Amino acid sequence: MELAKLHKLSDAIVIEFHGKVRALSSTVYGSGFRELTHVIFKTVDKDFDDPNPRAYAEQVVRELGLPLDSTAVFLTAVNVTQEHVVREIRKPIPVMLVATIGLSNPACILEKSVGEDNYTCASTINILVVMEYGLSDNAFVDLVGVVSGAKALALTNVGLMCSLSRRAFGTVTDAVIVASCMKEKTLPYGGPATKIGSLVGKLVYETILHESLRKLKASDKFKNIYGLSIEELERLCLKIYSYAPIPQVPIDRVVSIIRREIGRILYDPNIWSIAIALRELEIRGNTGTIPELSVDEYISDSPKIIADEILGIALSMYINGWKGMFCYYWIERIKDKVEELKKLPMFTDDLVCSLIGAILSKVYDELIPRRQKLICIIMAGGKGSRLEFVEKPLIKICGKPIIERIVNVASSVCSDVYVAISPHTPKTKLWCLENNIKIIETKGKDYVYDLQEILKKFNKPLLILPCDTPFITTNVLLEFIEKAKRMESSVVTLIVDKHCFPETLRKENTEPIGISLFKSNGVKWSNVVMCRFPELLDIDTFIDLRYAGEICK
């Protein structure tokens, strides 16, 4: 760094200036207008609650052997040696920024994040800005305002919240230092209309925005926008499901579908967009900035506002059409019985109710029995040669053997389910017998031979499934069956279009994976092409297996 040197220590970084700089500081030690030679960024414990943080910081300076009268100290729970950020601009004015960014304990107007008289350092955004030009006192004050404003704007755009309807403008222990080289010629002003103010504002804004987005996990962003954590949403889905459970369906199957659908929500920008719109309305309603809607009307959930329902309908229908919407309406009618929903404000209750309604509609869609007069055969007699001859049906994906997952889905579609085993899969045979699953034994010569023997033993229609598609769903099978029924062919095979798959999994552009519907004894053959990921992912190689593990996570 041209304007200063950075030294890394075990739990601190030290910025050493080339000579003295003049600074305006709000740090716990070394605050006010002063001349500085060093600035320390020091990591403290997350539960740091020293009643005299200034004395603590002074001791840090002493232990490092730095001058007491020209050193300033930032304190933060962030790991400063690994998490500090350095940005530099060389033209038109040399400027350097050093920052550490922690986002817990956000600060809002009229909100307390922690005790007013006992702020902790469990977060903290600390910003040091150094420039080559000299600054007047007026310019120093201007630039501190620019830094604070740019930080607040960045956090607003990140979506950092203190509560469901209050934006954060920082964290409760933020500090800033603006420093300038001591030159005879000084800049009189540093506001946003000046060249230096514009440069510093842009640098601070872009740094805070980029680093905050990098630090926030999907779960953090979810909590900021939806007002509840992913785990809380899952529990709420299960609580509402308990009002109308599906008989004889294991709860773990319900949980797996809820988690899968929540996972999809996290990767859909359209759902995020509707959620952000509702969150923005919540903020504006709470501050009285929606024209023709008073704060009192907002708090009382005035019936003259229907925008919340309109957006709730849009969200639920986007996720699962009319089924999603009707399920959303059902939850709206029972929400007074659910304490967690009763306390939500005007727009958030529709956001959460529509989301839960759409998710539960997927659960009912998939698990309510829609069995057809159809026999299903799961081919599970292969050697598993590409997976070093393990019994592929018993490989656990997301904590369950693949065969168990496929049997469950097949049972929701077919009136009768058999597992075709061979001498190559004795453990699979044992698993089937222990779980009362019907089996048919084949010789295990090869896939085609075994399939021909099976076709001789069963009447049509007959649905053939592989034993290596752990993410297959009821809806995908029903979609294939409906398309196959409309074709005039006697046999219809599902061909997977791999264009919707991750590039590493595209061995071929299209590929059969062993799903076929034998409608009659004729010989006319057709294909149905479908692109569904991960539902049509088949586990053939160790790469496929590793990818399946990542999907489970």
Protein backbone atom coordinates (compact mmCIF):
# COMPACT_ATOMS: atom_id res chain seq x y z
CA MET A 1 0.00 0.00 0.00
CA GLU A 2 1.42 3.37 -1.03
CA LEU A 3 -0.21 5.48 1.70
CA ALA A 4 0.56 3.06 4.56
CA LYS A 5 1.99 -0.33 5.49
CA LEU A 6 -0.18 -3.18 6.82
CA HIS A 7 1.26 -5.58 9.42
CA LYS A 8 -0.58 -8.80 10.32
CA LEU A 9 -0.38 -10.12 13.88
CA SER A 10 -2.07 -13.17 15.41
CA ASP A 11 -5.24 -11.31 16.44
CA ALA A 12 -4.77 -7.84 15.00
CA ILE A 13 -3.62 -5.84 12.02
CA VAL A 14 -1.61 -2.64 12.37
CA ILE A 15 -1.71 0.15 9.79
CA GLU A 16 1.54 2.14 9.87
CA PHE A 17 1.49 5.48 8.08
CA HIS A 18 4.48 7.02 6.29
CA GLY A 19 4.94 9.72 8.90
CA LYS A 20 2.10 11.42 10.73
CA VAL A 21 -1.38 11.95 9.30
CA ARG A 22 -4.12 14.23 10.56
CA ALA A 23 -7.32 12.37 11.38
CA LEU A 24 -10.87 12.63 12.67
CA SER A 25 -11.72 9.46 14.57
CA SER A 26 -14.69 7.93 16.41
CA THR A 27 -12.74 4.92 17.72
CA VAL A 28 -12.92 3.79 21.34
CA TYR A 29 -9.28 4.85 21.75
CA GLY A 30 -7.68 7.70 19.84
CA SER A 31 -10.89 9.57 19.08
CA GLY A 32 -11.47 13.15 17.95
CA PHE A 33 -9.17 15.35 15.85
CA ARG A 34 -5.58 14.18 16.26
CA GLU A 35 -2.34 13.25 14.57
CA LEU A 36 -1.83 9.51 14.01
CA THR A 37 1.10 7.27 13.14
CA HIS A 38 -0.70 3.93 13.63
CA VAL A 39 -4.17 2.40 13.57
CA ILE A 40 -4.91 -1.00 15.14
CA PHE A 41 -7.77 -3.29 14.17
CA LYS A 42 -8.07 -5.68 17.15
CA THR A 43 -10.15 -8.87 17.39
CA VAL A 44 -11.98 -9.40 20.70
CA ASP A 45 -14.18 -12.24 21.92
CA LYS A 46 -17.79 -12.24 20.74
CA ASP A 47 -18.93 -11.93 24.36
CA PHE A 48 -16.53 -9.05 25.04
CA ASP A 49 -18.15 -6.81 27.67
CA ASP A 50 -15.29 -4.94 29.33
CA PRO A 51 -16.88 -2.02 31.25
CA ASN A 52 -13.92 0.17 30.25
CA PRO A 53 -13.14 -0.58 26.60
CA ARG A 54 -10.91 2.49 26.34
CA ALA A 55 -8.58 1.17 29.06
CA TYR A 56 -8.57 -2.24 27.34
CA ALA A 57 -7.59 -0.62 24.02
CA GLU A 58 -4.87 1.43 25.71
CA GLN A 59 -3.41 -1.79 27.11
CA VAL A 60 -3.37 -3.24 23.58
CA VAL A 61 -1.34 -0.23 22.40
CA ARG A 62 1.11 -0.62 25.29
CA GLU A 63 1.60 -4.35 24.65
CA LEU A 64 2.40 -3.66 21.00
CA GLY A 65 4.89 -0.95 21.95
CA LEU A 66 3.19 1.72 19.86
CA PRO A 67 2.97 5.43 20.79
CA LEU A 68 -0.01 6.12 23.04
CA ASP A 69 -0.62 9.63 21.79
CA SER A 70 -0.65 8.84 18.05
CA THR A 71 -2.39 5.43 17.84
CA ALA A 72 -6.11 4.73 17.37
CA VAL A 73 -7.77 1.37 18.07
CA PHE A 74 -10.77 -0.31 16.42
CA LEU A 75 -12.33 -3.23 18.35
CA THR A 76 -14.38 -5.96 16.65
CA ALA A 77 -15.34 -9.62 17.00
CA VAL A 78 -14.45 -10.15 13.33
CA ASN A 79 -11.28 -12.17 12.70
CA VAL A 80 -9.36 -9.17 11.41
CA THR A 81 -6.34 -11.06 10.09
CA GLN A 82 -8.54 -13.05 7.71
CA GLU A 83 -11.54 -10.78 7.17
CA HIS A 84 -10.07 -7.31 6.60
CA VAL A 85 -10.62 -5.57 3.28
CA VAL A 86 -8.19 -3.22 1.54
CA ARG A 87 -9.21 -1.05 -1.43
CA GLU A 88 -7.14 1.62 -3.16
CA ILE A 89 -7.77 4.31 -5.77
CA ARG A 90 -4.73 6.02 -7.31
CA LYS A 91 -6.36 8.45 -9.72
CA PRO A 92 -7.51 11.20 -9.76
CA ILE A 93 -6.84 11.36 -5.99
CA PRO A 94 -4.93 8.61 -4.13
CA VAL A 95 -7.29 7.09 -1.54
CA MET A 96 -6.93 3.94 0.57
CA LEU A 97 -9.70 2.16 2.49
CA VAL A 98 -9.20 -0.52 5.14
CA ALA A 99 -12.32 -2.06 6.69
CA THR A 100 -13.57 -4.96 8.78
CA ILE A 101 -17.24 -5.83 8.37
CA GLY A 102 -19.42 -7.65 10.88
CA LEU A 103 -23.20 -7.57 10.49
CA SER A 104 -24.68 -8.87 13.73
CA ASN A 105 -26.38 -6.47 16.16
CA PRO A 106 -27.77 -4.16 13.47
CA ALA A 107 -28.74 -0.63 14.53
CA CYS A 108 -32.07 1.00 13.65
CA ILE A 109 -33.92 4.16 14.54
CA LEU A 110 -36.28 3.56 17.50
CA GLU A 111 -34.93 0.03 17.97
CA LYS A 112 -32.53 -1.38 20.55
CA SER A 113 -30.34 -4.24 19.40
CA VAL A 114 -28.57 -4.61 22.76
CA GLY A 115 -28.63 -2.79 26.08
CA GLU A 116 -28.26 0.96 25.53
CA ASP A 117 -25.59 1.29 28.18
CA ASN A 118 -23.70 -1.89 27.43
CA TYR A 119 -23.08 -2.35 23.72
CA THR A 120 -20.98 -5.39 22.85
CA CYS A 121 -18.51 -5.85 20.02
CA ALA A 122 -20.18 -8.91 18.57
CA SER A 123 -20.30 -7.24 15.17
CA THR A 124 -19.03 -3.80 14.13
CA ILE A 125 -18.25 -2.17 10.80
CA ASN A 126 -14.92 -0.39 11.18
CA ILE A 127 -13.74 1.87 8.34
CA LEU A 128 -10.43 3.67 7.86
CA VAL A 129 -10.13 6.04 4.89
CA VAL A 130 -6.76 7.67 4.13
CA MET A 131 -6.06 10.16 1.33
CA GLU A 132 -3.00 11.93 0.06
CA TYR A 133 -4.58 15.39 0.02
CA GLY A 134 -4.72 17.63 3.07
CA LEU A 135 -8.17 18.39 4.51
CA SER A 136 -9.68 21.30 6.35
CA ASP A 137 -11.68 20.64 9.53
CA ASN A 138 -14.82 21.22 7.48
CA ALA A 139 -13.72 18.63 4.90
CA PHE A 140 -13.02 16.06 7.63
CA VAL A 141 -16.53 16.42 9.02
CA ASP A 142 -18.00 16.31 5.51
CA LEU A 143 -16.18 13.05 4.74
CA VAL A 144 -17.23 11.35 7.97
CA GLY A 145 -20.80 12.13 6.92
CA VAL A 146 -20.16 10.76 3.42
CA VAL A 147 -18.67 7.53 4.82
CA SER A 148 -21.61 7.04 7.21
CA GLY A 149 -24.18 7.79 4.50
CA ALA A 150 -22.56 5.46 1.96
CA LYS A 151 -22.39 2.68 4.57
CA ALA A 152 -26.06 3.14 5.47
CA LEU A 153 -27.12 3.11 1.81
CA ALA A 154 -25.13 -0.07 1.14
CA LEU A 155 -26.72 -1.83 4.13
CA THR A 156 -30.16 -0.70 2.99
CA ASN A 157 -29.57 -2.26 -0.42
CA VAL A 158 -28.19 -5.42 1.19
CA GLY A 159 -31.48 -5.70 3.09
CA LEU A 160 -30.07 -5.70 6.63
CA MET A 161 -32.97 -5.39 9.08
CA CYS A 162 -33.47 -4.90 12.82
CA SER A 163 -37.07 -6.07 12.70
CA LEU A 164 -39.76 -6.88 10.13
CA SER A 165 -40.29 -3.22 9.28
CA ARG A 166 -37.11 -1.33 10.23
CA ARG A 167 -34.00 -1.05 8.10
CA ALA A 168 -30.54 -1.06 9.67
CA PHE A 169 -28.17 1.83 9.01
CA GLY A 170 -25.17 0.20 10.65
CA THR A 171 -24.32 -1.93 13.67
CA VAL A 172 -24.40 -0.67 17.24
CA THR A 173 -20.62 -0.25 17.66
CA ASP A 174 -19.47 1.06 14.27
CA ALA A 175 -16.48 3.39 14.11
CA VAL A 176 -14.74 5.43 11.41
CA ILE A 177 -11.45 7.22 10.88
CA VAL A 178 -10.87 9.72 8.09
CA ALA A 179 -7.18 10.58 7.74
CA SER A 180 -5.17 12.81 5.40
CA CYS A 181 -1.53 13.41 4.74
CA MET A 182 -0.35 16.63 6.35
CA LYS A 183 0.16 18.90 3.36
CA GLU A 184 0.13 22.66 3.17
CA LYS A 185 -2.55 22.76 0.49
CA THR A 186 -5.83 21.50 1.90
CA LEU A 187 -9.24 20.72 0.39
CA PRO A 188 -11.84 23.06 1.92
CA TYR A 189 -14.80 20.70 1.54
CA GLY A 190 -15.43 16.96 1.33
CA GLY A 191 -19.17 16.63 0.77
CA PRO A 192 -20.78 14.37 -1.85
CA ALA A 193 -20.66 17.13 -4.51
CA THR A 194 -16.85 17.34 -4.31
CA LYS A 195 -14.46 15.11 -6.22
CA ILE A 196 -12.99 13.61 -3.03
CA GLY A 197 -16.42 13.13 -1.46
CA SER A 198 -17.75 11.39 -4.56
CA LEU A 199 -14.72 9.07 -4.73
CA VAL A 200 -14.84 8.15 -1.04
CA GLY A 201 -18.62 7.62 -1.11
CA LYS A 202 -18.36 5.29 -4.11
CA LEU A 203 -15.44 3.37 -2.59
CA VAL A 204 -17.17 2.87 0.78
CA TYR A 205 -20.54 1.98 -0.78
CA GLU A 206 -19.12 -0.61 -3.18
CA THR A 207 -16.90 -2.17 -0.50
CA ILE A 208 -19.66 -2.50 2.12
CA LEU A 209 -22.17 -3.78 -0.46
CA HIS A 210 -19.83 -6.38 -1.97
CA GLU A 211 -18.42 -7.64 1.32
CA SER A 212 -21.81 -7.74 3.05
CA LEU A 213 -23.33 -9.79 0.23
CA ARG A 214 -20.33 -12.10 0.36
CA LYS A 215 -20.62 -12.59 4.13
CA LEU A 216 -24.39 -13.08 4.25
CA LYS A 217 -25.43 -16.70 3.71
CA ALA A 218 -28.66 -17.60 1.95
CA SER A 219 -30.16 -18.28 5.39
CA ASP A 220 -29.20 -14.77 6.56
CA LYS A 221 -30.77 -13.16 3.50
CA PHE A 222 -33.88 -15.28 4.01
CA LYS A 223 -34.22 -14.11 7.63
CA ASN A 224 -33.78 -10.46 6.61
CA ILE A 225 -36.51 -10.64 3.95
CA TYR A 226 -39.02 -13.13 5.39
CA GLY A 227 -38.62 -12.22 9.05
CA LEU A 228 -38.06 -15.81 10.14
CA SER A 229 -35.29 -18.37 9.74
CA ILE A 230 -35.39 -21.33 7.38
CA GLU A 231 -35.70 -23.63 10.40
CA GLU A 232 -38.62 -21.57 11.74
CA LEU A 233 -40.34 -21.75 8.34
CA GLU A 234 -39.91 -25.54 8.30
CA ARG A 235 -41.39 -25.85 11.80
CA LEU A 236 -44.28 -23.59 10.84
CA CYS A 237 -45.01 -25.69 7.73
CA LEU A 238 -45.16 -28.81 9.89
CA LYS A 239 -47.34 -27.11 12.49
CA ILE A 240 -49.90 -26.08 9.85
CA TYR A 241 -49.64 -29.49 8.14
CA SER A 242 -50.71 -31.03 11.47
CA TYR A 243 -54.14 -29.43 10.97
CA ALA A 244 -54.67 -31.57 7.85
CA PRO A 245 -52.19 -34.48 7.79
CA ILE A 246 -52.29 -37.23 5.17
CA PRO A 247 -53.17 -40.57 6.82
CA GLN A 248 -50.47 -43.27 6.93
CA VAL A 249 -47.76 -41.01 5.47
CA PRO A 250 -44.52 -40.99 7.53
CA ILE A 251 -43.68 -37.50 8.74
CA ASP A 252 -40.10 -37.82 7.47
CA ARG A 253 -41.44 -37.91 3.90
CA VAL A 254 -43.34 -34.69 4.55
CA VAL A 255 -40.22 -33.09 6.02
CA SER A 256 -38.08 -34.11 3.02
CA ILE A 257 -40.52 -32.49 0.57
CA ILE A 258 -40.75 -29.30 2.65
CA ARG A 259 -36.94 -29.06 2.77
CA ARG A 260 -36.66 -29.71 -0.96
CA GLU A 261 -39.18 -26.98 -1.78
CA ILE A 262 -37.53 -24.49 0.58
CA GLY A 263 -34.24 -25.27 -1.16
CA ARG A 264 -35.80 -24.44 -4.53
CA ILE A 265 -37.18 -21.17 -3.17
CA LEU A 266 -33.67 -20.08 -2.18
CA TYR A 267 -32.52 -20.33 -5.80
CA ASP A 268 -35.47 -18.65 -7.52
CA PRO A 269 -34.98 -14.90 -8.21
CA ASN A 270 -38.69 -14.47 -9.01
CA ILE A 271 -39.71 -15.59 -5.53
CA TRP A 272 -37.05 -13.35 -4.00
CA SER A 273 -38.38 -10.43 -6.07
CA ILE A 274 -41.96 -10.81 -4.79
CA ALA A 275 -40.70 -11.26 -1.22
CA ILE A 276 -38.54 -8.11 -1.44
CA ALA A 277 -41.53 -6.15 -2.78
CA LEU A 278 -43.60 -7.22 0.25
CA ARG A 279 -40.76 -6.40 2.65
CA GLU A 280 -40.40 -2.93 1.10
CA LEU A 281 -44.16 -2.35 1.55
CA GLU A 282 -43.83 -3.40 5.20
CA ILE A 283 -41.11 -0.81 5.79
CA ARG A 284 -43.07 1.94 4.05
CA GLY A 285 -46.31 1.07 5.82
CA ASN A 286 -44.60 1.23 9.20
CA THR A 287 -43.11 4.66 8.41
CA GLY A 288 -46.27 6.14 6.92
CA THR A 289 -44.75 6.55 3.46
CA ILE A 290 -47.40 4.67 1.47
CA PRO A 291 -49.61 7.45 0.08
CA GLU A 292 -53.17 7.45 1.47
CA LEU A 293 -52.33 4.85 4.14
CA SER A 294 -51.74 6.15 7.66
CA VAL A 295 -49.54 4.36 10.18
CA ASP A 296 -52.63 3.61 12.29
CA GLU A 297 -54.37 2.05 9.28
CA TYR A 298 -51.25 0.01 8.56
CA ILE A 299 -51.00 -1.24 12.16
CA SER A 300 -54.68 -2.19 12.21
CA ASP A 301 -54.32 -4.06 8.87
CA SER A 302 -56.90 -1.86 7.18
CA PRO A 303 -59.27 -3.77 4.84
CA LYS A 304 -58.84 -1.04 2.23
CA ILE A 305 -55.44 -2.57 1.42
CA ILE A 306 -55.66 -5.64 -0.82
CA ALA A 307 -52.16 -5.36 -2.31
CA ASP A 308 -50.89 -7.83 0.29
CA GLU A 309 -53.41 -10.47 -0.85
CA ILE A 310 -52.72 -9.75 -4.53
CA LEU A 311 -48.99 -10.32 -4.05
CA GLY A 312 -49.69 -13.39 -1.89
CA ILE A 313 -51.85 -14.84 -4.66
CA ALA A 314 -49.13 -14.09 -7.24
CA LEU A 315 -46.48 -15.83 -5.14
CA SER A 316 -48.54 -18.94 -4.36
CA MET A 317 -49.72 -19.31 -7.96
CA TYR A 318 -46.21 -18.86 -9.31
CA ILE A 319 -44.94 -21.70 -7.13
CA ASN A 320 -47.78 -24.20 -7.68
CA GLY A 321 -50.64 -22.70 -9.66
CA TRP A 322 -54.24 -22.92 -8.43
CA LYS A 323 -53.30 -25.61 -5.92
CA GLY A 324 -50.83 -23.22 -4.30
CA MET A 325 -53.40 -20.43 -4.21
CA PHE A 326 -56.17 -22.56 -2.68
CA CYS A 327 -53.79 -23.82 -0.03
CA TYR A 328 -52.81 -20.19 0.69
CA TYR A 329 -56.52 -19.33 1.15
CA TRP A 330 -56.90 -22.26 3.54
CA ILE A 331 -54.01 -21.01 5.69
CA GLU A 332 -55.45 -17.48 5.65
CA ARG A 333 -58.66 -18.88 7.20
CA ILE A 334 -56.89 -20.74 10.00
CA LYS A 335 -54.02 -18.31 10.70
CA ASP A 336 -55.73 -16.92 13.83
CA LYS A 337 -55.18 -20.34 15.40
CA VAL A 338 -51.43 -20.15 14.77
CA GLU A 339 -49.68 -17.82 17.21
CA GLU A 340 -46.63 -17.32 14.98
CA LEU A 341 -48.84 -16.06 12.13
CA LYS A 342 -51.14 -13.91 14.27
CA LYS A 343 -48.31 -11.61 15.33
CA LEU A 344 -47.00 -10.93 11.81
CA PRO A 345 -47.64 -7.44 10.39
CA MET A 346 -49.81 -6.54 7.38
CA PHE A 347 -47.68 -7.63 4.43
CA THR A 348 -45.44 -10.25 6.05
CA ASP A 349 -48.37 -12.43 7.09
CA ASP A 350 -49.44 -12.78 3.45
CA LEU A 351 -45.85 -13.38 2.37
CA VAL A 352 -45.40 -16.20 4.87
CA CYS A 353 -48.91 -17.67 4.45
CA SER A 354 -48.60 -17.78 0.65
CA LEU A 355 -45.16 -19.35 0.87
CA ILE A 356 -46.29 -22.03 3.34
CA GLY A 357 -49.46 -22.63 1.30
CA ALA A 358 -47.49 -23.20 -1.88
CA ILE A 359 -45.02 -25.51 -0.11
CA LEU A 360 -47.76 -27.59 1.53
CA SER A 361 -49.66 -27.80 -1.76
CA LYS A 362 -46.57 -29.52 -3.16
CA VAL A 363 -46.64 -31.93 -0.21
CA TYR A 364 -50.31 -32.81 -0.79
CA ASP A 365 -49.72 -32.96 -4.53
CA GLU A 366 -47.02 -35.54 -4.13
CA LEU A 367 -48.23 -37.63 -1.21
CA ILE A 368 -52.01 -37.87 -1.56
CA PRO A 369 -52.52 -41.27 -3.19
CA ARG A 370 -53.28 -41.13 -6.92
CA ARG A 371 -52.58 -44.75 -7.70
CA GLN A 372 -53.42 -46.12 -11.11
CA LYS A 373 -54.18 -49.69 -12.20
CA LEU A 374 -50.60 -50.14 -13.09
CA ILE A 375 -47.89 -52.60 -12.10
CA CYS A 376 -44.47 -51.17 -11.45
CA ILE A 377 -41.21 -53.12 -11.68
CA ILE A 378 -38.04 -51.57 -10.21
CA MET A 379 -35.00 -53.10 -11.93
CA ALA A 380 -32.50 -53.75 -9.13
CA GLY A 381 -30.46 -56.74 -10.31
CA GLY A 382 -27.47 -55.06 -11.97
CA LYS A 383 -23.81 -55.62 -11.08
CA GLY A 384 -23.00 -51.96 -10.31
CA SER A 385 -19.72 -52.32 -12.18
CA ARG A 386 -19.12 -48.56 -12.57
CA LEU A 387 -19.42 -48.17 -8.80
CA GLU A 388 -16.94 -50.95 -8.02
CA PHE A 389 -19.66 -53.63 -7.86
CA VAL A 390 -21.47 -52.31 -4.79
CA GLU A 391 -25.21 -52.99 -4.59
CA LYS A 392 -26.42 -49.72 -6.02
CA PRO A 393 -29.99 -49.98 -4.64
CA LEU A 394 -28.67 -49.88 -1.08
CA ILE A 395 -26.44 -46.82 -1.50
CA LYS A 396 -27.72 -44.20 0.93
CA ILE A 397 -28.69 -40.82 -0.51
CA CYS A 398 -29.83 -38.16 1.97
CA GLY A 399 -29.77 -40.80 4.69
CA LYS A 400 -31.94 -43.42 2.93
CA PRO A 401 -31.20 -46.32 0.56
CA ILE A 402 -32.02 -45.36 -3.04
CA ILE A 403 -34.36 -48.34 -3.32
CA GLU A 404 -36.44 -47.10 -0.37
CA ARG A 405 -36.86 -43.68 -1.98
CA ILE A 406 -37.93 -45.20 -5.32
CA VAL A 407 -40.30 -47.73 -3.75
CA ASN A 408 -42.03 -44.88 -1.88
CA VAL A 409 -42.56 -42.87 -5.07
CA ALA A 410 -43.59 -45.93 -7.12
CA SER A 411 -46.15 -46.86 -4.43
CA SER A 412 -47.79 -43.45 -4.79
CA VAL A 413 -48.33 -44.05 -8.52
CA CYS A 414 -48.82 -47.78 -9.06
CA SER A 415 -51.32 -50.25 -7.66
CA ASP A 416 -48.65 -52.95 -7.32
CA VAL A 417 -44.88 -52.61 -6.93
CA TYR A 418 -42.22 -55.29 -7.39
CA VAL A 419 -38.45 -55.11 -7.08
CA ALA A 420 -36.58 -57.24 -9.64
CA ILE A 421 -33.49 -58.68 -7.95
CA SER A 422 -30.78 -61.10 -9.13
CA PRO A 423 -27.87 -63.13 -7.72
CA HIS A 424 -25.85 -59.90 -7.95
CA THR A 425 -28.03 -58.15 -5.34
CA PRO A 426 -28.55 -60.54 -2.39
CA LYS A 427 -28.55 -57.74 0.20
CA THR A 428 -31.22 -55.87 -1.76
CA LYS A 429 -33.33 -59.05 -1.72
CA LEU A 430 -32.92 -59.25 2.05
CA TRP A 431 -33.88 -55.57 2.45
CA CYS A 432 -37.05 -56.13 0.39
CA LEU A 433 -38.06 -59.17 2.41
CA GLU A 434 -37.47 -57.34 5.71
CA ASN A 435 -39.63 -54.43 4.51
CA ASN A 436 -42.43 -56.54 3.00
CA ILE A 437 -41.66 -55.43 -0.55
CA LYS A 438 -42.68 -57.87 -3.29
CA ILE A 439 -39.80 -59.24 -5.31
CA ILE A 440 -39.32 -61.00 -8.62
CA GLU A 441 -36.11 -62.94 -9.12
CA THR A 442 -34.17 -62.73 -12.39
CA LYS A 443 -31.06 -64.56 -13.58
CA GLY A 444 -28.98 -61.37 -13.77
CA LYS A 445 -27.52 -62.17 -17.22
CA ASP A 446 -27.96 -58.62 -18.47
CA TYR A 447 -30.57 -55.86 -18.41
CA VAL A 448 -32.26 -56.73 -21.72
CA TYR A 449 -32.49 -60.47 -20.95
CA ASP A 450 -33.91 -59.85 -17.47
CA LEU A 451 -36.43 -57.31 -18.83
CA GLN A 452 -37.64 -59.74 -21.52
CA GLU A 453 -38.19 -62.43 -18.87
CA ILE A 454 -40.19 -59.98 -16.73
CA LEU A 455 -42.35 -58.86 -19.66
CA LYS A 456 -43.39 -62.50 -20.21
CA LYS A 457 -44.64 -62.84 -16.63
CA PHE A 458 -46.81 -59.71 -16.27
CA ASN A 459 -49.83 -58.29 -18.01
CA LYS A 460 -49.74 -54.80 -19.46
CA PRO A 461 -49.67 -51.91 -18.72
CA LEU A 462 -46.34 -52.20 -16.94
CA LEU A 463 -44.13 -49.37 -15.71
CA ILE A 464 -40.40 -50.13 -15.60
CA LEU A 465 -38.23 -48.03 -13.29
CA PRO A 466 -34.48 -48.01 -12.56
CA CYS A 467 -33.08 -48.35 -9.06
CA ASP A 468 -30.68 -45.42 -9.33
CA THR A 469 -32.82 -42.25 -9.56
CA PRO A 470 -32.97 -41.15 -5.91
CA PHE A 471 -34.67 -37.82 -6.58
CA ILE A 472 -37.51 -39.08 -8.80
CA THR A 473 -40.88 -37.65 -7.72
CA THR A 474 -44.53 -38.63 -8.04
CA ASN A 475 -45.24 -35.61 -10.21
CA VAL A 476 -42.49 -36.45 -12.72
CA LEU A 477 -43.71 -40.05 -13.07
CA LEU A 478 -47.33 -38.94 -13.47
CA GLU A 479 -46.32 -36.39 -16.10
CA PHE A 480 -44.44 -39.09 -18.04
CA ILE A 481 -47.34 -41.56 -17.76
CA GLU A 482 -49.88 -38.99 -18.98
CA LYS A 483 -47.72 -38.09 -21.97
CA ALA A 484 -47.09 -41.79 -22.74
CA LYS A 485 -50.81 -42.60 -22.62
CA ARG A 486 -51.53 -40.01 -25.30
CA MET A 487 -49.14 -41.71 -27.73
CA GLU A 488 -50.24 -44.47 -30.05
CA SER A 489 -47.11 -46.56 -29.46
CA SER A 490 -47.17 -49.79 -27.49
CA VAL A 491 -43.96 -48.89 -25.66
CA VAL A 492 -42.89 -45.40 -24.55
CA THR A 493 -39.47 -44.65 -23.07
CA LEU A 494 -38.43 -41.56 -21.14
CA ILE A 495 -35.39 -39.86 -22.65
CA VAL A 496 -33.63 -37.33 -20.44
CA ASP A 497 -32.61 -34.03 -22.03
CA LYS A 498 -29.42 -33.14 -20.14
CA HIS A 499 -29.39 -29.45 -21.05
CA CYS A 500 -30.89 -28.52 -17.67
CA PHE A 501 -28.20 -30.56 -15.84
CA PRO A 502 -24.95 -29.09 -14.50
CA GLU A 503 -22.26 -29.26 -17.16
CA THR A 504 -20.16 -31.81 -15.24
CA LEU A 505 -23.07 -34.29 -15.39
CA ARG A 506 -23.75 -34.01 -19.12
CA LYS A 507 -22.16 -37.21 -20.40
CA GLU A 508 -24.53 -37.06 -23.37
CA ASN A 509 -27.01 -34.45 -24.54
CA THR A 510 -29.84 -36.98 -24.24
CA GLU A 511 -29.93 -40.31 -22.46
CA PRO A 512 -32.43 -43.04 -21.51
CA ILE A 513 -32.31 -43.84 -17.81
CA GLY A 514 -34.47 -46.97 -17.69
CA ILE A 515 -38.00 -45.56 -17.34
CA SER A 516 -40.48 -47.10 -19.78
CA LEU A 517 -44.22 -47.71 -19.99
CA PHE A 518 -45.24 -50.96 -21.73
CA LYS A 519 -48.86 -50.28 -22.67
CA SER A 520 -49.56 -53.40 -24.74
CA ASN A 521 -47.85 -56.28 -26.53
CA GLY A 522 -47.21 -54.38 -29.76
CA VAL A 523 -43.77 -53.43 -31.12
CA LYS A 524 -44.30 -49.75 -31.98
CA TRP A 525 -41.91 -47.67 -29.85
CA SER A 526 -41.86 -43.91 -29.04
CA ASN A 527 -39.92 -41.59 -26.75
CA VAL A 528 -40.95 -38.84 -24.34
CA VAL A 529 -38.18 -36.25 -23.83
CA MET A 530 -38.10 -34.53 -20.43
CA CYS A 531 -35.60 -32.25 -18.71
CA ARG A 532 -35.91 -32.31 -14.92
CA PHE A 533 -33.03 -31.82 -12.50
CA PRO A 534 -32.37 -33.31 -10.00
CA GLU A 535 -35.46 -35.54 -10.39
CA LEU A 536 -34.02 -37.43 -13.38
CA LEU A 537 -30.44 -37.67 -12.13
CA ASP A 538 -29.32 -41.31 -12.27
CA ILE A 539 -26.39 -42.53 -10.18
CA ASP A 540 -23.99 -44.28 -12.56
CA THR A 541 -20.58 -42.98 -11.47
CA PHE A 542 -18.81 -41.65 -8.42
CA ILE A 543 -19.17 -38.15 -9.87
CA ASP A 544 -22.96 -38.62 -9.90
CA LEU A 545 -22.80 -39.93 -6.35
CA ARG A 546 -20.81 -36.95 -5.08
CA TYR A 547 -23.22 -34.56 -6.79
CA ALA A 548 -26.19 -36.30 -5.15
CA GLY A 549 -24.50 -35.77 -1.80
CA GLU A 550 -24.19 -32.05 -2.53
CA ILE A 551 -27.89 -31.87 -3.43
CA CYS A 552 -28.74 -33.42 -0.06
CA LYS A 553 -26.75 -30.71 1.71
